[in-house]
C-alpha atoms as a PDB file:
ATOM      1  CA  MET A   1      36.740 166.065 -59.809  1.00  0.00           C
ATOM      2  CA  ALA A   2      39.941 163.922 -59.952  1.00  0.00           C
ATOM      3  CA  THR A   3      40.120 160.789 -57.875  1.00  0.00           C
ATOM      4  CA  LYS A   4      42.861 160.816 -55.219  1.00  0.00           C
ATOM      5  CA  PHE A   5      45.584 158.236 -55.831  1.00  0.00           C
ATOM      6  CA  SER A   6      45.706 155.351 -53.332  1.00  0.00           C
ATOM      7  CA  TYR A   7      49.000 153.552 -52.681  1.00  0.00           C
ATOM      8  CA  ASN A   8      47.007 150.621 -51.287  1.00  0.00           C
ATOM      9  CA  ALA A   9      45.275 150.212 -54.664  1.00  0.00           C
ATOM     10  CA  LEU A  10      48.596 149.458 -56.370  1.00  0.00           C
ATOM     11  CA  PRO A  11      48.958 145.812 -57.394  1.00  0.00           C
ATOM     12  CA  SER A  12      51.280 143.282 -55.797  1.00  0.00           C
ATOM     13  CA  VAL A  13      54.528 142.688 -57.656  1.00  0.00           C
ATOM     14  CA  GLU A  14      53.205 139.382 -59.022  1.00  0.00           C
ATOM     15  CA  VAL A  15      50.065 140.994 -60.454  1.00  0.00           C
ATOM     16  CA  ALA A  16      52.014 143.955 -61.879  1.00  0.00           C
ATOM     17  CA  ASP A  17      54.455 141.540 -63.530  1.00  0.00           C
ATOM     18  CA  ARG A  18      51.594 139.577 -65.149  1.00  0.00           C
ATOM     19  CA  LEU A  19      50.009 142.812 -66.441  1.00  0.00           C
ATOM     20  CA  PHE A  20      53.235 143.957 -68.120  1.00  0.00           C
ATOM     21  CA  THR A  21      52.767 141.783 -71.197  1.00  0.00           C
ATOM     22  CA  ASP A  22      54.503 143.693 -74.019  1.00  0.00           C
ATOM     23  CA  ARG A  23      57.748 144.128 -72.080  1.00  0.00           C
ATOM     24  CA  ASP A  24      60.405 143.869 -74.828  1.00  0.00           C
ATOM     25  CA  GLU A  25      58.587 146.128 -77.278  1.00  0.00           C
ATOM     26  CA  MET A  26      57.769 148.714 -74.604  1.00  0.00           C
ATOM     27  CA  LEU A  27      61.296 148.839 -73.160  1.00  0.00           C
ATOM     28  CA  GLU A  28      62.799 149.145 -76.645  1.00  0.00           C
ATOM     29  CA  LYS A  29      60.688 152.271 -77.237  1.00  0.00           C
ATOM     30  CA  LEU A  30      61.308 153.761 -73.765  1.00  0.00           C
ATOM     31  CA  GLY A  31      65.123 153.562 -73.810  1.00  0.00           C
ATOM     32  CA  PRO A  32      65.688 156.405 -76.288  1.00  0.00           C
ATOM     33  CA  ILE A  33      63.006 158.564 -74.610  1.00  0.00           C
ATOM     34  CA  LEU A  34      64.672 158.199 -71.201  1.00  0.00           C
ATOM     35  CA  GLN A  35      68.047 159.029 -72.652  1.00  0.00           C
ATOM     36  CA  GLN A  36      66.717 162.027 -74.594  1.00  0.00           C
ATOM     37  CA  TYR A  37      64.660 163.631 -71.817  1.00  0.00           C
ATOM     38  CA  GLY A  38      65.921 161.991 -68.641  1.00  0.00           C
ATOM     39  CA  ASN A  39      69.662 162.762 -68.738  1.00  0.00           C
ATOM     40  CA  ASN A  40      70.280 159.156 -67.607  1.00  0.00           C
ATOM     41  CA  GLU A  41      68.829 160.084 -64.194  1.00  0.00           C
ATOM     42  CA  PHE A  42      65.585 158.142 -64.585  1.00  0.00           C
ATOM     43  CA  GLY A  43      64.556 154.578 -65.282  1.00  0.00           C
ATOM     44  CA  VAL A  44      61.356 152.598 -65.775  1.00  0.00           C
ATOM     45  CA  CYS A  45      59.833 150.809 -62.802  1.00  0.00           C
ATOM     46  CA  LEU A  46      57.154 148.197 -62.347  1.00  0.00           C
ATOM     47  CA  VAL A  47      54.593 150.009 -60.186  1.00  0.00           C
ATOM     48  CA  HIS A  48      53.595 147.916 -57.170  1.00  0.00           C
ATOM     49  CA  ARG A  49      52.991 148.290 -53.437  1.00  0.00           C
ATOM     50  CA  HIS A  50      55.216 147.058 -50.628  1.00  0.00           C
ATOM     51  CA  CYS A  51      52.672 147.050 -47.797  1.00  0.00           C
ATOM     52  CA  GLU A  52      49.396 148.657 -46.749  1.00  0.00           C
ATOM     53  CA  LEU A  53      49.568 152.336 -45.778  1.00  0.00           C
ATOM     54  CA  GLU A  54      47.366 153.965 -43.164  1.00  0.00           C
ATOM     55  CA  GLU A  55      45.701 157.357 -43.596  1.00  0.00           C
ATOM     56  CA  GLY A  56      48.323 160.123 -43.938  1.00  0.00           C
ATOM     57  CA  GLU A  57      51.279 157.753 -44.485  1.00  0.00           C
ATOM     58  CA  ARG A  58      53.814 157.713 -47.322  1.00  0.00           C
ATOM     59  CA  MET A  59      56.409 155.085 -48.179  1.00  0.00           C
ATOM     60  CA  VAL A  60      59.738 156.847 -47.419  1.00  0.00           C
ATOM     61  CA  ALA A  61      63.298 155.566 -47.863  1.00  0.00           C
ATOM     62  CA  ASP A  62      65.930 156.818 -45.417  1.00  0.00           C
ATOM     63  CA  GLY A  63      69.302 155.228 -46.088  1.00  0.00           C
ATOM     64  CA  ASN A  64      68.811 151.484 -46.370  1.00  0.00           C
ATOM     65  CA  VAL A  65      65.339 151.403 -44.762  1.00  0.00           C
ATOM     66  CA  SER A  66      62.084 152.160 -46.541  1.00  0.00           C
ATOM     67  CA  GLN A  67      58.940 152.314 -44.408  1.00  0.00           C
ATOM     68  CA  PRO A  68      55.600 154.066 -44.035  1.00  0.00           C
ATOM     69  CA  GLU A  69      55.808 157.465 -42.342  1.00  0.00           C
ATOM     70  CA  LYS A  70      52.959 159.701 -41.226  1.00  0.00           C
ATOM     71  CA  ASP A  71      53.052 163.352 -42.341  1.00  0.00           C
ATOM     72  CA  ALA A  72      56.582 163.006 -43.823  1.00  0.00           C
ATOM     73  CA  LYS A  73      57.247 166.670 -44.619  1.00  0.00           C
ATOM     74  CA  ASP A  74      60.954 166.350 -45.478  1.00  0.00           C
ATOM     75  CA  ALA A  75      60.489 163.567 -48.043  1.00  0.00           C
ATOM     76  CA  TYR A  76      61.152 164.001 -51.760  1.00  0.00           C
ATOM     77  CA  PRO A  77      59.530 162.041 -54.601  1.00  0.00           C
ATOM     78  CA  SER A  78      61.648 159.210 -56.003  1.00  0.00           C
ATOM     79  CA  ARG A  79      59.075 157.099 -57.933  1.00  0.00           C
ATOM     80  CA  TRP A  80      56.223 158.378 -60.078  1.00  0.00           C
ATOM     81  CA  LEU A  81      53.174 156.927 -61.789  1.00  0.00           C
ATOM     82  CA  ALA A  82      52.857 157.624 -65.531  1.00  0.00           C
ATOM     83  CA  THR A  83      50.419 160.402 -64.549  1.00  0.00           C
ATOM     84  CA  GLY A  84      53.265 162.239 -62.792  1.00  0.00           C
ATOM     85  CA  GLU A  85      51.982 161.577 -59.282  1.00  0.00           C
ATOM     86  CA  ALA A  86      54.667 160.459 -56.806  1.00  0.00           C
ATOM     87  CA  TYR A  87      54.007 157.202 -54.959  1.00  0.00           C
ATOM     88  CA  GLU A  88      57.324 156.585 -53.138  1.00  0.00           C
ATOM     89  CA  PHE A  89      59.679 159.064 -51.490  1.00  0.00           C
ATOM     90  CA  ASN A  90      63.152 159.406 -49.971  1.00  0.00           C
ATOM     91  CA  ARG A  91      65.080 161.774 -47.696  1.00  0.00           C
ATOM     92  CA  ASN A  92      67.428 163.093 -50.404  1.00  0.00           C
ATOM     93  CA  ASP A  93      66.415 166.032 -52.567  1.00  0.00           C
ATOM     94  CA  THR A  94      65.923 164.424 -55.978  1.00  0.00           C
ATOM     95  CA  PRO A  95      65.086 165.916 -59.355  1.00  0.00           C
ATOM     96  CA  SER A  96      61.703 165.193 -60.875  1.00  0.00           C
ATOM     97  CA  PRO A  97      61.191 164.066 -64.468  1.00  0.00           C
ATOM     98  CA  SER A  98      60.448 166.897 -66.876  1.00  0.00           C
ATOM     99  CA  ASP A  99      56.999 167.460 -68.345  1.00  0.00           C
ATOM    100  CA  GLU A 100      58.457 166.423 -71.733  1.00  0.00           C
ATOM    101  CA  LEU A 101      59.632 163.108 -70.290  1.00  0.00           C
ATOM    102  CA  PHE A 102      56.231 162.413 -68.727  1.00  0.00           C
ATOM    103  CA  ARG A 103      54.400 163.290 -71.976  1.00  0.00           C
ATOM    104  CA  SER A 104      56.695 161.091 -74.070  1.00  0.00           C
ATOM    105  CA  PHE A 105      56.519 158.289 -71.491  1.00  0.00           C
ATOM    106  CA  ARG A 106      52.696 158.358 -71.490  1.00  0.00           C
ATOM    107  CA  SER A 107      52.599 158.404 -75.312  1.00  0.00           C
ATOM    108  CA  ILE A 108      54.388 155.037 -75.266  1.00  0.00           C
ATOM    109  CA  VAL A 109      52.930 153.291 -72.195  1.00  0.00           C
ATOM    110  CA  GLY A 110      49.350 154.430 -72.833  1.00  0.00           C
ATOM    111  CA  ASN A 111      47.029 152.527 -70.498  1.00  0.00           C
ATOM    112  CA  THR A 112      49.794 150.335 -69.029  1.00  0.00           C
ATOM    113  CA  ALA A 113      49.184 151.476 -65.445  1.00  0.00           C
ATOM    114  CA  VAL A 114      51.912 149.220 -64.005  1.00  0.00           C
ATOM    115  CA  LEU A 115      54.788 151.281 -65.431  1.00  0.00           C
ATOM    116  CA  GLY A 116      56.231 154.398 -63.860  1.00  0.00           C
ATOM    117  CA  LEU A 117      59.475 156.347 -63.597  1.00  0.00           C
ATOM    118  CA  PHE A 118      62.076 156.297 -60.834  1.00  0.00           C
ATOM    119  CA  TYR A 119      65.112 158.383 -59.949  1.00  0.00           C
ATOM    120  CA  ILE A 120      68.301 156.318 -60.284  1.00  0.00           C
ATOM    121  CA  ARG A 121      69.771 156.883 -56.835  1.00  0.00           C
ATOM    122  CA  ASP A 122      72.639 154.380 -56.769  1.00  0.00           C
ATOM    123  CA  LYS A 123      74.440 155.046 -60.046  1.00  0.00           C
ATOM    124  CA  LEU A 124      77.760 153.656 -58.798  1.00  0.00           C
ATOM    125  CA  MET A 125      76.503 150.749 -56.709  1.00  0.00           C
ATOM    126  CA  ASP A 126      78.530 147.555 -57.037  1.00  0.00           C
ATOM    127  CA  GLY A 127      76.843 144.229 -56.389  1.00  0.00           C
ATOM    128  CA  VAL A 128      73.207 143.591 -55.587  1.00  0.00           C
ATOM    129  CA  GLU A 129      71.006 145.524 -53.190  1.00  0.00           C
ATOM    130  CA  LEU A 130      68.960 142.866 -51.429  1.00  0.00           C
ATOM    131  CA  GLU A 131      65.824 144.067 -49.649  1.00  0.00           C
ATOM    132  CA  ARG A 132      64.302 142.129 -46.771  1.00  0.00           C
ATOM    133  CA  THR A 133      60.866 143.045 -45.512  1.00  0.00           C
ATOM    134  CA  ASP A 134      60.462 143.034 -41.744  1.00  0.00           C
ATOM    135  CA  GLY A 135      56.861 143.899 -40.883  1.00  0.00           C
ATOM    136  CA  ARG A 136      56.251 147.163 -42.744  1.00  0.00           C
ATOM    137  CA  LYS A 137      59.968 147.993 -43.135  1.00  0.00           C
ATOM    138  CA  ASN A 138      62.039 147.122 -46.187  1.00  0.00           C
ATOM    139  CA  ILE A 139      65.711 146.822 -45.213  1.00  0.00           C
ATOM    140  CA  THR A 140      68.428 146.684 -47.868  1.00  0.00           C
ATOM    141  CA  LYS A 141      71.996 145.451 -47.924  1.00  0.00           C
ATOM    142  CA  ILE A 142      74.554 144.961 -50.663  1.00  0.00           C
ATOM    143  CA  VAL A 143      75.369 141.344 -51.544  1.00  0.00           C
ATOM    144  CA  PRO A 144      77.559 139.951 -54.364  1.00  0.00           C
ATOM    145  CA  LYS A 145      75.982 140.334 -57.807  1.00  0.00           C
ATOM    146  CA  ASP A 146      76.023 136.551 -58.355  1.00  0.00           C
ATOM    147  CA  HIS A 147      73.811 136.013 -55.262  1.00  0.00           C
ATOM    148  CA  PRO A 148      71.284 133.374 -56.456  1.00  0.00           C
ATOM    149  CA  GLN A 149      67.636 134.483 -56.280  1.00  0.00           C
ATOM    150  CA  LYS A 150      64.310 133.658 -57.934  1.00  0.00           C
ATOM    151  CA  THR A 151      63.101 137.122 -58.879  1.00  0.00           C
ATOM    152  CA  ILE A 152      60.761 139.359 -60.830  1.00  0.00           C
ATOM    153  CA  THR A 153      62.436 142.280 -62.573  1.00  0.00           C
ATOM    154  CA  THR A 154      60.995 145.559 -61.278  1.00  0.00           C
ATOM    155  CA  ALA A 155      63.171 148.288 -62.807  1.00  0.00           C
ATOM    156  CA  TRP A 156      65.208 149.059 -65.896  1.00  0.00           C
ATOM    157  CA  HIS A 157      67.506 151.917 -66.904  1.00  0.00           C
ATOM    158  CA  PRO A 158      68.755 153.082 -70.310  1.00  0.00           C
ATOM    159  CA  GLN A 159      72.252 152.216 -71.435  1.00  0.00           C
ATOM    160  CA  SER A 160      74.099 152.861 -74.632  1.00  0.00           C
ATOM    161  CA  ARG A 161      77.585 152.657 -75.945  1.00  0.00           C
ATOM    162  CA  GLU A 162      79.033 155.270 -78.282  1.00  0.00           C
ATOM    163  CA  GLY A 163      77.350 154.886 -81.652  1.00  0.00           C
ATOM    164  CA  ALA A 164      75.112 152.072 -80.412  1.00  0.00           C
ATOM    165  CA  VAL A 165      71.369 151.765 -80.046  1.00  0.00           C
ATOM    166  CA  VAL A 166      69.950 152.612 -76.619  1.00  0.00           C
ATOM    167  CA  THR A 167      68.824 149.502 -74.772  1.00  0.00           C
ATOM    168  CA  MET A 168      67.167 148.975 -71.426  1.00  0.00           C
ATOM    169  CA  ARG A 169      69.054 147.109 -68.724  1.00  0.00           C
ATOM    170  CA  LYS A 170      67.592 145.383 -65.664  1.00  0.00           C
ATOM    171  CA  CYS A 171      68.543 147.228 -62.465  1.00  0.00           C
ATOM    172  CA  ALA A 172      66.085 145.970 -59.847  1.00  0.00           C
ATOM    173  CA  THR A 173      64.250 142.769 -59.059  1.00  0.00           C
ATOM    174  CA  CYS A 174      61.934 141.447 -56.366  1.00  0.00           C
ATOM    175  CA  GLU A 175      62.437 138.027 -54.883  1.00  0.00           C
ATOM    176  CA  ILE A 176      59.322 135.958 -54.329  1.00  0.00           C
ATOM    177  CA  PRO A 177      59.722 133.518 -51.423  1.00  0.00           C
ATOM    178  CA  PRO A 178      58.378 130.002 -52.136  1.00  0.00           C
ATOM    179  CA  GLY A 179      54.624 129.765 -51.528  1.00  0.00           C
ATOM    180  CA  SER A 180      54.245 133.537 -51.073  1.00  0.00           C
ATOM    181  CA  LYS A 181      51.396 135.563 -52.558  1.00  0.00           C
ATOM    182  CA  THR A 182      53.232 138.861 -51.930  1.00  0.00           C
ATOM    183  CA  HIS A 183      56.887 139.763 -52.140  1.00  0.00           C
ATOM    184  CA  THR A 184      58.970 140.096 -49.025  1.00  0.00           C
ATOM    185  CA  LEU A 185      62.413 140.619 -50.511  1.00  0.00           C
ATOM    186  CA  HIS A 186      63.722 143.033 -53.105  1.00  0.00           C
ATOM    187  CA  LYS A 187      67.086 143.156 -54.780  1.00  0.00           C
ATOM    188  CA  ARG A 188      68.569 145.781 -57.011  1.00  0.00           C
ATOM    189  CA  VAL A 189      71.236 144.677 -59.456  1.00  0.00           C
ATOM    190  CA  SER A 190      74.235 146.957 -60.008  1.00  0.00           C
ATOM    191  CA  LEU A 191      73.431 149.716 -62.464  1.00  0.00           C
ATOM    192  CA  TYR A 192      76.903 149.500 -63.966  1.00  0.00           C
ATOM    193  CA  VAL A 193      78.329 145.971 -63.979  1.00  0.00           C
END
């Protein structure tokens, strides 16, 4: 019998970052796969938890607020583990990665459990989406892209220019406040600068 996934078992952003050791090599291999099977709708994310969830709760984004919700029936997957299981949701109907994308993704990431896929929601965002955690809520706002932060990169998306090799570009980071053992701020860098 399969073990049920537990959001609370996901690592903190700091631990996930330390476990992602072969970053450059892995991202170089994933870029073409995402472009081939993902129609530029999906990126790679560093799988980590934001807070502890209680029984029956899901982490759901609604506009600029992401928070745990109990029995969220009108929530759609927006982030997936390499296994294909959704671990974060949003209110907008979003496409899911194809079986081919998941198979190809798993063939590259193997046992790297801290990498997953995410739906690129803000394709035309300008600036930086800064996320502030208030209790169990994560609240975002757009700030200038040169906003200084000490961060850990948590998401990448494929980019290519005509006739060029596909590369992966940073599109999200988590800020770690001084002295903190867990992250309390997130920022997402513009997908198209």
